């Protein structure tokens, strides 16, 4: 459900930016790559901890 709310808010803000003929604060490609990096880092951290603890035990 939180993904749908986030998507709806993002679309709403995008429509407002478009209606006001306003550029977004960050270029979309750069922003999306940064967000992807954050998500990957968030998912890799627990996997890395499990892997290291498996090697040490």
PDB file of N, CA and C in Angstrom:
ATOM      1  N   UNK A   1       0.815  -1.192   0.000  1.00  0.00           N
ATOM      2  CA  UNK A   1       0.000   0.000   0.000  1.00  0.00           C
ATOM      3  C   UNK A   1       0.861   1.260   0.000  1.00  0.00           C
ATOM      4  N   UNK A   2       1.983   1.221   0.733  1.00  0.00           N
ATOM      5  CA  UNK A   2       2.834   2.410   0.794  1.00  0.00           C
ATOM      6  C   UNK A   2       3.446   2.723  -0.571  1.00  0.00           C
ATOM      7  N   UNK A   3       3.680   1.691  -1.385  1.00  0.00           N
ATOM      8  CA  UNK A   3       4.207   1.925  -2.733  1.00  0.00           C
ATOM      9  C   UNK A   3       3.184   2.675  -3.589  1.00  0.00           C
ATOM     10  N   UNK A   4       1.925   2.306  -3.458  1.00  0.00           N
ATOM     11  CA  UNK A   4       0.879   2.985  -4.225  1.00  0.00           C
ATOM     12  C   UNK A   4       0.719   4.437  -3.790  1.00  0.00           C
ATOM     13  N   UNK A   5       0.792   4.677  -2.491  1.00  0.00           N
ATOM     14  CA  UNK A   5       0.698   6.054  -1.994  1.00  0.00           C
ATOM     15  C   UNK A   5       1.880   6.871  -2.501  1.00  0.00           C
ATOM     16  N   UNK A   6       3.066   6.302  -2.438  1.00  0.00           N
ATOM     17  CA  UNK A   6       4.261   6.990  -2.918  1.00  0.00           C
ATOM     18  C   UNK A   6       4.162   7.290  -4.408  1.00  0.00           C
ATOM     19  N   UNK A   7       3.685   6.329  -5.180  1.00  0.00           N
ATOM     20  CA  UNK A   7       3.515   6.534  -6.617  1.00  0.00           C
ATOM     21  C   UNK A   7       2.491   7.629  -6.894  1.00  0.00           C
ATOM     22  N   UNK A   8       1.379   7.605  -6.170  1.00  0.00           N
ATOM     23  CA  UNK A   8       0.336   8.618  -6.368  1.00  0.00           C
ATOM     24  C   UNK A   8       0.848  10.017  -6.039  1.00  0.00           C
ATOM     25  N   UNK A   9       1.591  10.147  -4.952  1.00  0.00           N
ATOM     26  CA  UNK A   9       2.143  11.453  -4.583  1.00  0.00           C
ATOM     27  C   UNK A   9       3.156  11.913  -5.622  1.00  0.00           C
ATOM     28  N   UNK A  10       4.000  10.999  -6.092  1.00  0.00           N
ATOM     29  CA  UNK A  10       4.969  11.343  -7.127  1.00  0.00           C
ATOM     30  C   UNK A  10       4.305  11.798  -8.410  1.00  0.00           C
ATOM     31  N   UNK A  11       3.256  11.102  -8.818  1.00  0.00           N
ATOM     32  CA  UNK A  11       2.524  11.510 -10.016  1.00  0.00           C
ATOM     33  C   UNK A  11       1.866  12.869  -9.828  1.00  0.00           C
ATOM     34  N   UNK A  12       1.308  13.092  -8.648  1.00  0.00           N
ATOM     35  CA  UNK A  12       0.664  14.372  -8.353  1.00  0.00           C
ATOM     36  C   UNK A  12       1.669  15.522  -8.432  1.00  0.00           C
ATOM     37  N   UNK A  13       2.827  15.342  -7.824  1.00  0.00           N
ATOM     38  CA  UNK A  13       3.866  16.378  -7.867  1.00  0.00           C
ATOM     39  C   UNK A  13       4.350  16.577  -9.297  1.00  0.00           C
ATOM     40  N   UNK A  14       4.484  15.504 -10.056  1.00  0.00           N
ATOM     41  CA  UNK A  14       4.886  15.619 -11.456  1.00  0.00           C
ATOM     42  C   UNK A  14       3.887  16.411 -12.280  1.00  0.00           C
ATOM     43  N   UNK A  15       2.604  16.186 -12.032  1.00  0.00           N
ATOM     44  CA  UNK A  15       1.567  16.940 -12.743  1.00  0.00           C
ATOM     45  C   UNK A  15       1.644  18.425 -12.374  1.00  0.00           C
ATOM     46  N   UNK A  16       1.866  18.707 -11.098  1.00  0.00           N
ATOM     47  CA  UNK A  16       1.998  20.110 -10.675  1.00  0.00           C
ATOM     48  C   UNK A  16       3.213  20.751 -11.343  1.00  0.00           C
ATOM     49  N   UNK A  17       4.346  20.055 -11.359  1.00  0.00           N
ATOM     50  CA  UNK A  17       5.543  20.586 -12.027  1.00  0.00           C
ATOM     51  C   UNK A  17       5.250  20.857 -13.498  1.00  0.00           C
ATOM     52  N   UNK A  18       4.569  19.919 -14.150  1.00  0.00           N
ATOM     53  CA  UNK A  18       4.242  20.097 -15.559  1.00  0.00           C
ATOM     54  C   UNK A  18       3.299  21.264 -15.792  1.00  0.00           C
ATOM     55  N   UNK A  19       2.306  21.411 -14.928  1.00  0.00           N
ATOM     56  CA  UNK A  19       1.341  22.505 -15.075  1.00  0.00           C
ATOM     57  C   UNK A  19       1.998  23.867 -14.871  1.00  0.00           C
ATOM     58  N   UNK A  20       2.976  23.927 -13.977  1.00  0.00           N
ATOM     59  CA  UNK A  20       3.668  25.188 -13.706  1.00  0.00           C
ATOM     60  C   UNK A  20       4.852  25.410 -14.644  1.00  0.00           C
ATOM     61  N   UNK A  21       5.104  24.449 -15.534  1.00  0.00           N
ATOM     62  CA  UNK A  21       6.247  24.494 -16.446  1.00  0.00           C
ATOM     63  C   UNK A  21       7.545  24.699 -15.663  1.00  0.00           C
ATOM     64  N   UNK A  22       7.704  23.882 -14.629  1.00  0.00           N
ATOM     65  CA  UNK A  22       8.817  23.980 -13.694  1.00  0.00           C
ATOM     66  C   UNK A  22       9.673  22.730 -13.832  1.00  0.00           C
ATOM     67  N   UNK A  23      10.987  22.898 -13.908  1.00  0.00           N
ATOM     68  CA  UNK A  23      11.871  21.728 -13.966  1.00  0.00           C
ATOM     69  C   UNK A  23      12.044  21.133 -12.586  1.00  0.00           C
ATOM     70  N   UNK A  24      12.166  19.841 -12.525  1.00  0.00           N
ATOM     71  CA  UNK A  24      12.389  19.187 -11.238  1.00  0.00           C
ATOM     72  C   UNK A  24      13.759  19.590 -10.695  1.00  0.00           C
ATOM     73  N   UNK A  25      13.939  19.555  -9.377  1.00  0.00           N
ATOM     74  CA  UNK A  25      15.201  19.993  -8.777  1.00  0.00           C
ATOM     75  C   UNK A  25      16.412  19.184  -9.231  1.00  0.00           C
ATOM     76  N   UNK A  26      16.225  17.928  -9.520  1.00  0.00           N
ATOM     77  CA  UNK A  26      17.333  17.086  -9.971  1.00  0.00           C
ATOM     78  C   UNK A  26      16.939  16.444 -11.291  1.00  0.00           C
ATOM     79  N   UNK A  27      17.899  16.274 -12.189  1.00  0.00           N
ATOM     80  CA  UNK A  27      17.571  15.567 -13.431  1.00  0.00           C
ATOM     81  C   UNK A  27      17.042  14.168 -13.112  1.00  0.00           C
ATOM     82  N   UNK A  28      15.959  13.753 -13.750  1.00  0.00           N
ATOM     83  CA  UNK A  28      15.335  12.472 -13.400  1.00  0.00           C
ATOM     84  C   UNK A  28      16.282  11.277 -13.447  1.00  0.00           C
ATOM     85  N   UNK A  29      17.146  11.210 -14.438  1.00  0.00           N
ATOM     86  CA  UNK A  29      18.032  10.041 -14.535  1.00  0.00           C
ATOM     87  C   UNK A  29      18.971   9.975 -13.338  1.00  0.00           C
ATOM     88  N   UNK A  30      19.531  11.097 -12.953  1.00  0.00           N
ATOM     89  CA  UNK A  30      20.453  11.114 -11.818  1.00  0.00           C
ATOM     90  C   UNK A  30      19.715  10.759 -10.532  1.00  0.00           C
ATOM     91  N   UNK A  31      18.532  11.310 -10.362  1.00  0.00           N
ATOM     92  CA  UNK A  31      17.753  11.032  -9.156  1.00  0.00           C
ATOM     93  C   UNK A  31      17.382   9.555  -9.072  1.00  0.00           C
ATOM     94  N   UNK A  32      16.980   8.972 -10.183  1.00  0.00           N
ATOM     95  CA  UNK A  32      16.586   7.560 -10.171  1.00  0.00           C
ATOM     96  C   UNK A  32      17.770   6.645  -9.917  1.00  0.00           C
ATOM     97  N   UNK A  33      18.919   6.972 -10.466  1.00  0.00           N
ATOM     98  CA  UNK A  33      20.114   6.159 -10.216  1.00  0.00           C
ATOM     99  C   UNK A  33      20.489   6.243  -8.740  1.00  0.00           C
ATOM    100  N   UNK A  34      20.385   7.430  -8.158  1.00  0.00           N
ATOM    101  CA  UNK A  34      20.675   7.578  -6.734  1.00  0.00           C
ATOM    102  C   UNK A  34      19.716   6.782  -5.871  1.00  0.00           C
ATOM    103  N   UNK A  35      18.444   6.834  -6.203  1.00  0.00           N
ATOM    104  CA  UNK A  35      17.457   6.055  -5.451  1.00  0.00           C
ATOM    105  C   UNK A  35      17.696   4.559  -5.598  1.00  0.00           C
ATOM    106  N   UNK A  36      18.066   4.131  -6.797  1.00  0.00           N
ATOM    107  CA  UNK A  36      18.350   2.713  -7.010  1.00  0.00           C
ATOM    108  C   UNK A  36      19.543   2.288  -6.154  1.00  0.00           C
ATOM    109  N   UNK A  37      20.558   3.133  -6.092  1.00  0.00           N
ATOM    110  CA  UNK A  37      21.715   2.829  -5.252  1.00  0.00           C
ATOM    111  C   UNK A  37      21.343   2.720  -3.786  1.00  0.00           C
ATOM    112  N   UNK A  38      20.474   3.612  -3.332  1.00  0.00           N
ATOM    113  CA  UNK A  38      20.032   3.558  -1.937  1.00  0.00           C
ATOM    114  C   UNK A  38      19.278   2.262  -1.652  1.00  0.00           C
ATOM    115  N   UNK A  39      18.394   1.877  -2.557  1.00  0.00           N
ATOM    116  CA  UNK A  39      17.627   0.644  -2.357  1.00  0.00           C
ATOM    117  C   UNK A  39      18.525  -0.585  -2.383  1.00  0.00           C
ATOM    118  N   UNK A  40      19.464  -0.619  -3.326  1.00  0.00           N
ATOM    119  CA  UNK A  40      20.379  -1.757  -3.389  1.00  0.00           C
ATOM    120  C   UNK A  40      21.234  -1.843  -2.136  1.00  0.00           C
ATOM    121  N   UNK A  41      21.735  -0.705  -1.675  1.00  0.00           N
ATOM    122  CA  UNK A  41      22.532  -0.694  -0.452  1.00  0.00           C
ATOM    123  C   UNK A  41      21.740  -1.165   0.754  1.00  0.00           C
ATOM    124  N   UNK A  42      20.480  -0.766   0.808  1.00  0.00           N
ATOM    125  CA  UNK A  42      19.620  -1.172   1.915  1.00  0.00           C
ATOM    126  C   UNK A  42      19.390  -2.680   1.907  1.00  0.00           C
ATOM    127  N   UNK A  43      19.274  -3.271   0.723  1.00  0.00           N
ATOM    128  CA  UNK A  43      19.026  -4.713   0.629  1.00  0.00           C
ATOM    129  C   UNK A  43      20.314  -5.522   0.764  1.00  0.00           C
ATOM    130  N   UNK A  44      21.438  -4.955   0.311  1.00  0.00           N
ATOM    131  CA  UNK A  44      22.696  -5.694   0.349  1.00  0.00           C
ATOM    132  C   UNK A  44      23.284  -5.785   1.752  1.00  0.00           C
ATOM    133  N   UNK A  45      23.029  -4.788   2.588  1.00  0.00           N
ATOM    134  CA  UNK A  45      23.606  -4.780   3.932  1.00  0.00           C
ATOM    135  C   UNK A  45      23.218  -6.032   4.732  1.00  0.00           C
ATOM    136  N   UNK A  46      21.928  -6.384   4.860  1.00  0.00           N
ATOM    137  CA  UNK A  46      21.584  -7.603   5.608  1.00  0.00           C
ATOM    138  C   UNK A  46      22.141  -8.871   4.953  1.00  0.00           C
ATOM    139  N   UNK A  47      22.151  -8.904   3.628  1.00  0.00           N
ATOM    140  CA  UNK A  47      22.689 -10.081   2.942  1.00  0.00           C
ATOM    141  C   UNK A  47      24.180 -10.216   3.215  1.00  0.00           C
ATOM    142  N   UNK A  48      24.895  -9.102   3.213  1.00  0.00           N
ATOM    143  CA  UNK A  48      26.329  -9.125   3.491  1.00  0.00           C
ATOM    144  C   UNK A  48      26.628  -9.560   4.916  1.00  0.00           C
ATOM    145  N   UNK A  49      25.822  -9.094   5.861  1.00  0.00           N
ATOM    146  CA  UNK A  49      26.021  -9.499   7.261  1.00  0.00           C
ATOM    147  C   UNK A  49      25.813 -10.998   7.418  1.00  0.00           C
ATOM    148  N   UNK A  50      24.792 -11.540   6.765  1.00  0.00           N
ATOM    149  CA  UNK A  50      24.541 -12.980   6.850  1.00  0.00           C
ATOM    150  C   UNK A  50      25.699 -13.757   6.244  1.00  0.00           C
ATOM    151  N   UNK A  51      26.196 -13.282   5.120  1.00  0.00           N
ATOM    152  CA  UNK A  51      27.299 -13.963   4.448  1.00  0.00           C
ATOM    153  C   UNK A  51      28.545 -13.968   5.321  1.00  0.00           C
ATOM    154  N   UNK A  52      28.881 -12.827   5.904  1.00  0.00           N
ATOM    155  CA  UNK A  52      30.075 -12.726   6.746  1.00  0.00           C
ATOM    156  C   UNK A  52      29.907 -13.559   8.006  1.00  0.00           C
ATOM    157  N   UNK A  53      28.739 -13.528   8.632  1.00  0.00           N
ATOM    158  CA  UNK A  53      28.535 -14.331   9.840  1.00  0.00           C
ATOM    159  C   UNK A  53      28.596 -15.822   9.512  1.00  0.00           C
ATOM    160  N   UNK A  54      28.181 -16.199   8.316  1.00  0.00           N
ATOM    161  CA  UNK A  54      28.293 -17.596   7.896  1.00  0.00           C
ATOM    162  C   UNK A  54      29.738 -18.021   7.710  1.00  0.00           C
ATOM    163  N   UNK A  55      30.568 -17.110   7.199  1.00  0.00           N
ATOM    164  CA  UNK A  55      31.987 -17.411   7.020  1.00  0.00           C
ATOM    165  C   UNK A  55      32.710 -17.510   8.365  1.00  0.00           C
ATOM    166  N   UNK A  56      32.298 -16.683   9.331  1.00  0.00           N
ATOM    167  CA  UNK A  56      32.990 -16.639  10.615  1.00  0.00           C
ATOM    168  C   UNK A  56      32.581 -17.767  11.545  1.00  0.00           C
ATOM    169  N   UNK A  57      31.429 -18.383  11.317  1.00  0.00           N
ATOM    170  CA  UNK A  57      31.001 -19.444  12.232  1.00  0.00           C
ATOM    171  C   UNK A  57      31.363 -20.809  11.736  1.00  0.00           C
TER     172      UNK A  57
END
